[in-house]
Amino acid sequence: QVQLVESGGGSVEAGGSLRLSCAASGPTFRRYTMGWFRQAPGKERELVAAISWTGGSTYYADSVKGRFTISKINVNNMVSLQMNSLKAEDTAVYYCAASLNPSAQTMGAMSASNYWGQGTQVTVSS
């Protein structure tokens, strides 16, 4: 069973940058689609970005397009999220997720079957 651990969260001023990383442990031989979700206070969890296991297909929420970049950092289902030009509305707990759903575009629709990390807090102050 895959275990996911996020790191890199913290507090940053608006306009700043953070890089989140997700480390996988346990069996990582499956061809997971990897993604980042976030949940802000009082809001539903939403898919921010996703990437296919090959890295050839990505998805970004409209709110983060042009600012966030998701990348596979190795072939063992490791993933990072580079967040630039951060805004106060980006404040949320960010969760790494893995899914056997091969589509980065539809990862959010099948989130119930995801493996989840514990989450890391990102706070953007204005």
N, C-alpha and C. Protein backbone atom coordinates (compact mmCIF):
# COMPACT_ATOMS: atom_id res chain seq x y z
N GLN A 1 0.84 -1.18 0.00
CA GLN A 1 0.00 0.00 0.00
C GLN A 1 0.88 1.24 0.00
N VAL A 2 0.58 2.17 -0.89
CA VAL A 2 1.39 3.38 -1.03
C VAL A 2 1.07 4.35 0.10
N GLN A 3 2.11 4.92 0.66
CA GLN A 3 1.97 5.98 1.65
C GLN A 3 2.59 7.25 1.08
N LEU A 4 1.89 8.36 1.27
CA LEU A 4 2.31 9.64 0.71
C LEU A 4 2.56 10.63 1.84
N VAL A 5 3.67 11.35 1.74
CA VAL A 5 4.02 12.34 2.74
C VAL A 5 4.39 13.64 2.04
N GLU A 6 3.68 14.71 2.39
CA GLU A 6 3.94 16.02 1.81
C GLU A 6 4.95 16.80 2.65
N SER A 7 5.66 17.69 1.98
CA SER A 7 6.56 18.59 2.67
C SER A 7 6.66 19.88 1.87
N GLY A 8 7.17 20.91 2.49
CA GLY A 8 7.40 22.17 1.80
C GLY A 8 6.39 23.25 2.08
N GLY A 9 5.36 22.95 2.83
CA GLY A 9 4.39 23.96 3.17
C GLY A 9 4.97 24.98 4.13
N GLY A 10 4.26 26.08 4.27
CA GLY A 10 4.71 27.12 5.16
C GLY A 10 3.94 28.39 4.93
N SER A 11 4.49 29.47 5.44
CA SER A 11 3.87 30.78 5.32
C SER A 11 4.70 31.66 4.41
N VAL A 12 4.03 32.37 3.52
CA VAL A 12 4.72 33.23 2.57
C VAL A 12 3.85 34.44 2.28
N GLU A 13 4.48 35.54 1.94
CA GLU A 13 3.73 36.73 1.57
C GLU A 13 3.20 36.61 0.15
N ALA A 14 2.13 37.32 -0.12
CA ALA A 14 1.57 37.32 -1.47
C ALA A 14 2.64 37.71 -2.48
N GLY A 15 2.63 36.99 -3.60
CA GLY A 15 3.64 37.20 -4.62
C GLY A 15 4.84 36.29 -4.49
N GLY A 16 4.95 35.62 -3.38
CA GLY A 16 6.06 34.73 -3.15
C GLY A 16 5.85 33.36 -3.74
N SER A 17 6.80 32.48 -3.47
CA SER A 17 6.78 31.14 -4.03
C SER A 17 7.04 30.09 -2.97
N LEU A 18 6.50 28.92 -3.22
CA LEU A 18 6.76 27.74 -2.41
C LEU A 18 6.82 26.54 -3.33
N ARG A 19 7.56 25.54 -2.90
CA ARG A 19 7.59 24.28 -3.62
C ARG A 19 7.18 23.17 -2.66
N LEU A 20 6.14 22.46 -3.02
CA LEU A 20 5.69 21.32 -2.26
C LEU A 20 6.25 20.05 -2.89
N SER A 21 6.58 19.09 -2.05
CA SER A 21 7.06 17.82 -2.53
C SER A 21 6.26 16.70 -1.88
N CYS A 22 6.11 15.62 -2.60
CA CYS A 22 5.39 14.47 -2.12
C CYS A 22 6.27 13.25 -2.28
N ALA A 23 6.55 12.60 -1.18
CA ALA A 23 7.37 11.40 -1.18
C ALA A 23 6.50 10.18 -0.96
N ALA A 24 6.73 9.18 -1.75
CA ALA A 24 5.98 7.94 -1.65
C ALA A 24 6.83 6.85 -1.01
N SER A 25 6.19 6.05 -0.19
CA SER A 25 6.86 4.91 0.41
C SER A 25 5.98 3.68 0.24
N GLY A 26 6.57 2.52 0.46
CA GLY A 26 5.85 1.30 0.20
C GLY A 26 5.88 0.97 -1.28
N PRO A 27 4.99 0.09 -1.72
CA PRO A 27 4.99 -0.29 -3.14
C PRO A 27 4.68 0.90 -4.03
N THR A 28 5.59 1.20 -4.93
CA THR A 28 5.40 2.33 -5.84
C THR A 28 5.55 1.91 -7.29
N PHE A 29 5.33 0.65 -7.56
CA PHE A 29 5.50 0.15 -8.91
C PHE A 29 4.29 0.43 -9.79
N ARG A 30 3.16 0.75 -9.18
CA ARG A 30 1.97 1.02 -9.98
C ARG A 30 2.11 2.35 -10.72
N ARG A 31 1.44 2.44 -11.83
CA ARG A 31 1.52 3.61 -12.68
C ARG A 31 0.46 4.64 -12.25
N TYR A 32 0.77 5.32 -11.17
CA TYR A 32 -0.17 6.26 -10.59
C TYR A 32 -0.20 7.58 -11.32
N THR A 33 -1.41 8.10 -11.48
CA THR A 33 -1.57 9.52 -11.72
C THR A 33 -1.40 10.23 -10.38
N MET A 34 -0.62 11.28 -10.37
CA MET A 34 -0.34 12.01 -9.14
C MET A 34 -0.96 13.39 -9.21
N GLY A 35 -1.39 13.88 -8.06
CA GLY A 35 -2.00 15.20 -8.06
C GLY A 35 -1.90 15.89 -6.72
N TRP A 36 -2.24 17.15 -6.76
CA TRP A 36 -2.33 17.97 -5.56
C TRP A 36 -3.73 18.52 -5.43
N PHE A 37 -4.32 18.30 -4.28
CA PHE A 37 -5.60 18.87 -3.92
C PHE A 37 -5.37 19.90 -2.83
N ARG A 38 -6.33 20.76 -2.64
CA ARG A 38 -6.26 21.68 -1.53
C ARG A 38 -7.64 21.89 -0.94
N GLN A 39 -7.66 22.24 0.33
CA GLN A 39 -8.91 22.52 1.00
C GLN A 39 -8.72 23.75 1.88
N ALA A 40 -9.42 24.80 1.53
CA ALA A 40 -9.39 26.03 2.30
C ALA A 40 -10.46 25.96 3.38
N PRO A 41 -10.32 26.75 4.43
CA PRO A 41 -11.31 26.74 5.49
C PRO A 41 -12.71 27.02 4.96
N GLY A 42 -13.66 26.17 5.31
CA GLY A 42 -15.03 26.35 4.90
C GLY A 42 -15.33 25.98 3.47
N LYS A 43 -14.36 25.42 2.76
CA LYS A 43 -14.56 25.07 1.37
C LYS A 43 -14.32 23.59 1.14
N GLU A 44 -14.80 23.10 0.01
CA GLU A 44 -14.60 21.72 -0.36
C GLU A 44 -13.20 21.50 -0.90
N ARG A 45 -12.73 20.28 -0.77
CA ARG A 45 -11.44 19.94 -1.33
C ARG A 45 -11.52 19.99 -2.85
N GLU A 46 -10.51 20.58 -3.47
CA GLU A 46 -10.50 20.72 -4.91
C GLU A 46 -9.17 20.27 -5.49
N LEU A 47 -9.24 19.77 -6.71
CA LEU A 47 -8.03 19.38 -7.42
C LEU A 47 -7.34 20.63 -7.95
N VAL A 48 -6.08 20.78 -7.62
CA VAL A 48 -5.30 21.93 -8.06
C VAL A 48 -4.52 21.59 -9.33
N ALA A 49 -3.85 20.46 -9.31
CA ALA A 49 -3.02 20.04 -10.43
C ALA A 49 -2.85 18.54 -10.39
N ALA A 50 -2.68 17.95 -11.56
CA ALA A 50 -2.46 16.52 -11.66
C ALA A 50 -1.55 16.23 -12.83
N ILE A 51 -0.88 15.10 -12.76
CA ILE A 51 0.05 14.71 -13.81
C ILE A 51 -0.02 13.20 -13.99
N SER A 52 -0.04 12.77 -15.24
CA SER A 52 -0.07 11.35 -15.53
C SER A 52 1.25 10.70 -15.11
N TRP A 53 1.24 9.39 -15.01
CA TRP A 53 2.44 8.71 -14.52
C TRP A 53 3.63 8.91 -15.45
N THR A 54 3.37 9.09 -16.72
CA THR A 54 4.46 9.35 -17.67
C THR A 54 4.92 10.80 -17.65
N GLY A 55 4.12 11.66 -17.06
CA GLY A 55 4.41 13.08 -17.09
C GLY A 55 3.96 13.77 -18.36
N GLY A 56 3.32 13.03 -19.25
CA GLY A 56 2.95 13.57 -20.54
C GLY A 56 1.66 14.35 -20.57
N SER A 57 0.87 14.25 -19.54
CA SER A 57 -0.41 14.95 -19.50
C SER A 57 -0.58 15.60 -18.14
N THR A 58 -1.00 16.84 -18.15
CA THR A 58 -1.20 17.57 -16.90
C THR A 58 -2.55 18.25 -16.88
N TYR A 59 -2.99 18.55 -15.69
CA TYR A 59 -4.22 19.29 -15.47
C TYR A 59 -3.95 20.38 -14.45
N TYR A 60 -4.53 21.55 -14.68
CA TYR A 60 -4.46 22.63 -13.71
C TYR A 60 -5.82 23.26 -13.55
N ALA A 61 -6.17 23.54 -12.32
CA ALA A 61 -7.37 24.32 -12.08
C ALA A 61 -7.19 25.71 -12.69
N ASP A 62 -8.28 26.28 -13.16
CA ASP A 62 -8.21 27.59 -13.79
C ASP A 62 -7.57 28.63 -12.87
N SER A 63 -7.81 28.50 -11.59
CA SER A 63 -7.34 29.49 -10.64
C SER A 63 -5.82 29.50 -10.47
N VAL A 64 -5.15 28.43 -10.91
CA VAL A 64 -3.71 28.35 -10.71
C VAL A 64 -2.93 28.27 -12.01
N LYS A 65 -3.61 28.23 -13.13
CA LYS A 65 -2.92 28.15 -14.41
C LYS A 65 -1.98 29.33 -14.60
N GLY A 66 -0.78 29.02 -15.04
CA GLY A 66 0.22 30.05 -15.24
C GLY A 66 1.02 30.38 -14.01
N ARG A 67 0.59 29.89 -12.85
CA ARG A 67 1.29 30.16 -11.61
C ARG A 67 1.89 28.91 -10.97
N PHE A 68 1.19 27.80 -11.10
CA PHE A 68 1.62 26.55 -10.48
C PHE A 68 2.12 25.59 -11.56
N THR A 69 3.09 24.77 -11.20
CA THR A 69 3.60 23.76 -12.10
C THR A 69 3.78 22.45 -11.34
N ILE A 70 3.16 21.40 -11.85
CA ILE A 70 3.32 20.09 -11.25
C ILE A 70 4.34 19.30 -12.06
N SER A 71 5.20 18.58 -11.38
CA SER A 71 6.26 17.83 -12.05
C SER A 71 6.47 16.49 -11.38
N LYS A 72 6.79 15.51 -12.18
CA LYS A 72 7.30 14.24 -11.67
C LYS A 72 8.78 14.43 -11.40
N ILE A 73 9.20 14.07 -10.21
CA ILE A 73 10.60 14.28 -9.86
C ILE A 73 11.44 13.02 -9.99
N ASN A 74 10.79 11.90 -10.16
CA ASN A 74 11.45 10.66 -10.51
C ASN A 74 10.41 9.68 -11.03
N VAL A 75 10.83 8.49 -11.34
CA VAL A 75 9.91 7.50 -11.92
C VAL A 75 9.19 6.68 -10.87
N ASN A 76 9.39 6.99 -9.61
CA ASN A 76 8.79 6.23 -8.53
C ASN A 76 7.64 6.97 -7.87
N ASN A 77 6.83 7.64 -8.68
CA ASN A 77 5.61 8.30 -8.22
C ASN A 77 5.88 9.41 -7.22
N MET A 78 7.00 10.09 -7.39
CA MET A 78 7.28 11.28 -6.61
C MET A 78 6.81 12.49 -7.42
N VAL A 79 6.32 13.49 -6.74
CA VAL A 79 5.76 14.64 -7.43
C VAL A 79 6.02 15.92 -6.64
N SER A 80 6.16 17.01 -7.35
CA SER A 80 6.33 18.31 -6.72
C SER A 80 5.32 19.29 -7.29
N LEU A 81 5.08 20.35 -6.56
CA LEU A 81 4.22 21.42 -7.01
C LEU A 81 4.94 22.73 -6.76
N GLN A 82 5.37 23.37 -7.83
CA GLN A 82 5.99 24.68 -7.73
C GLN A 82 4.90 25.73 -7.79
N MET A 83 4.81 26.54 -6.77
CA MET A 83 3.76 27.54 -6.66
C MET A 83 4.40 28.92 -6.68
N ASN A 84 4.12 29.67 -7.72
CA ASN A 84 4.65 31.01 -7.88
C ASN A 84 3.51 32.03 -7.83
N SER A 85 3.88 33.26 -7.61
CA SER A 85 2.91 34.36 -7.57
C SER A 85 1.74 34.03 -6.67
N LEU A 86 2.04 33.57 -5.49
CA LEU A 86 1.00 33.11 -4.58
C LEU A 86 0.08 34.25 -4.16
N LYS A 87 -1.17 33.89 -4.00
CA LYS A 87 -2.21 34.83 -3.60
C LYS A 87 -2.81 34.38 -2.27
N ALA A 88 -3.45 35.30 -1.60
CA ALA A 88 -4.07 34.97 -0.33
C ALA A 88 -5.08 33.84 -0.48
N GLU A 89 -5.77 33.81 -1.60
CA GLU A 89 -6.77 32.77 -1.83
C GLU A 89 -6.17 31.39 -2.06
N ASP A 90 -4.86 31.30 -2.17
CA ASP A 90 -4.20 30.01 -2.26
C ASP A 90 -4.02 29.36 -0.89
N THR A 91 -4.31 30.09 0.15
CA THR A 91 -4.18 29.56 1.50
C THR A 91 -5.09 28.35 1.68
N ALA A 92 -4.50 27.24 2.07
CA ALA A 92 -5.25 25.99 2.21
C ALA A 92 -4.31 24.92 2.74
N VAL A 93 -4.90 23.81 3.11
CA VAL A 93 -4.12 22.61 3.35
C VAL A 93 -4.01 21.89 2.01
N TYR A 94 -2.80 21.58 1.62
CA TYR A 94 -2.55 20.93 0.35
C TYR A 94 -2.26 19.45 0.58
N TYR A 95 -2.92 18.62 -0.21
CA TYR A 95 -2.81 17.17 -0.07
C TYR A 95 -2.25 16.55 -1.34
N CYS A 96 -1.26 15.74 -1.18
CA CYS A 96 -0.79 14.92 -2.28
C CYS A 96 -1.72 13.73 -2.44
N ALA A 97 -1.94 13.32 -3.67
CA ALA A 97 -2.82 12.20 -3.93
C ALA A 97 -2.29 11.36 -5.07
N ALA A 98 -2.64 10.10 -5.03
CA ALA A 98 -2.27 9.16 -6.09
C ALA A 98 -3.50 8.37 -6.48
N SER A 99 -3.63 8.11 -7.77
CA SER A 99 -4.79 7.40 -8.28
C SER A 99 -4.40 6.49 -9.42
N LEU A 100 -5.07 5.36 -9.51
CA LEU A 100 -4.89 4.48 -10.65
C LEU A 100 -5.66 4.95 -11.86
N ASN A 101 -6.51 5.95 -11.70
CA ASN A 101 -7.15 6.60 -12.83
C ASN A 101 -6.07 7.17 -13.72
N PRO A 102 -6.00 6.74 -14.98
CA PRO A 102 -4.88 7.18 -15.83
C PRO A 102 -5.00 8.61 -16.32
N SER A 103 -6.13 9.26 -16.10
CA SER A 103 -6.37 10.58 -16.65
C SER A 103 -6.08 11.67 -15.62
N ALA A 104 -5.14 12.55 -15.95
CA ALA A 104 -4.90 13.70 -15.10
C ALA A 104 -6.10 14.63 -15.08
N GLN A 105 -6.80 14.72 -16.21
CA GLN A 105 -7.93 15.64 -16.33
C GLN A 105 -9.12 15.23 -15.48
N THR A 106 -9.28 13.95 -15.23
CA THR A 106 -10.44 13.48 -14.49
C THR A 106 -10.10 12.98 -13.10
N MET A 107 -8.91 13.24 -12.63
CA MET A 107 -8.51 12.77 -11.32
C MET A 107 -9.44 13.28 -10.23
N GLY A 108 -9.86 14.51 -10.34
CA GLY A 108 -10.74 15.10 -9.33
C GLY A 108 -12.08 14.41 -9.22
N ALA A 109 -12.58 13.89 -10.33
CA ALA A 109 -13.88 13.23 -10.34
C ALA A 109 -13.84 11.87 -9.67
N MET A 110 -12.66 11.31 -9.51
CA MET A 110 -12.51 9.99 -8.90
C MET A 110 -11.69 10.06 -7.62
N SER A 111 -11.78 11.17 -6.94
CA SER A 111 -10.94 11.40 -5.77
C SER A 111 -11.24 10.44 -4.61
N ALA A 112 -12.43 9.87 -4.60
CA ALA A 112 -12.80 8.96 -3.52
C ALA A 112 -11.91 7.73 -3.49
N SER A 113 -11.34 7.38 -4.62
CA SER A 113 -10.48 6.20 -4.70
C SER A 113 -9.00 6.53 -4.56
N ASN A 114 -8.69 7.79 -4.28
CA ASN A 114 -7.29 8.20 -4.17
C ASN A 114 -6.63 7.66 -2.91
N TYR A 115 -5.32 7.51 -3.01
CA TYR A 115 -4.49 7.45 -1.83
C TYR A 115 -4.14 8.88 -1.46
N TRP A 116 -4.12 9.17 -0.17
CA TRP A 116 -3.94 10.55 0.29
C TRP A 116 -2.76 10.70 1.23
N GLY A 117 -2.09 11.82 1.11
CA GLY A 117 -1.14 12.23 2.12
C GLY A 117 -1.86 12.90 3.27
N GLN A 118 -1.11 13.26 4.30
CA GLN A 118 -1.70 13.87 5.49
C GLN A 118 -2.01 15.35 5.31
N GLY A 119 -1.39 15.97 4.35
CA GLY A 119 -1.62 17.38 4.10
C GLY A 119 -0.53 18.26 4.67
N THR A 120 -0.30 19.38 4.02
CA THR A 120 0.64 20.38 4.50
C THR A 120 0.02 21.76 4.34
N GLN A 121 0.17 22.58 5.36
CA GLN A 121 -0.47 23.89 5.38
C GLN A 121 0.33 24.88 4.55
N VAL A 122 -0.39 25.60 3.70
CA VAL A 122 0.18 26.72 2.97
C VAL A 122 -0.62 27.96 3.35
N THR A 123 0.07 28.96 3.85
CA THR A 123 -0.58 30.20 4.25
C THR A 123 0.07 31.35 3.51
N VAL A 124 -0.76 32.10 2.79
CA VAL A 124 -0.28 33.24 2.02
C VAL A 124 -0.88 34.49 2.64
N SER A 125 -0.04 35.37 3.10
CA SER A 125 -0.49 36.60 3.73
C SER A 125 -0.40 37.75 2.75
N SER A 126 -1.30 38.69 2.91
CA SER A 126 -1.32 39.87 2.05
C SER A 126 -0.67 41.06 2.71
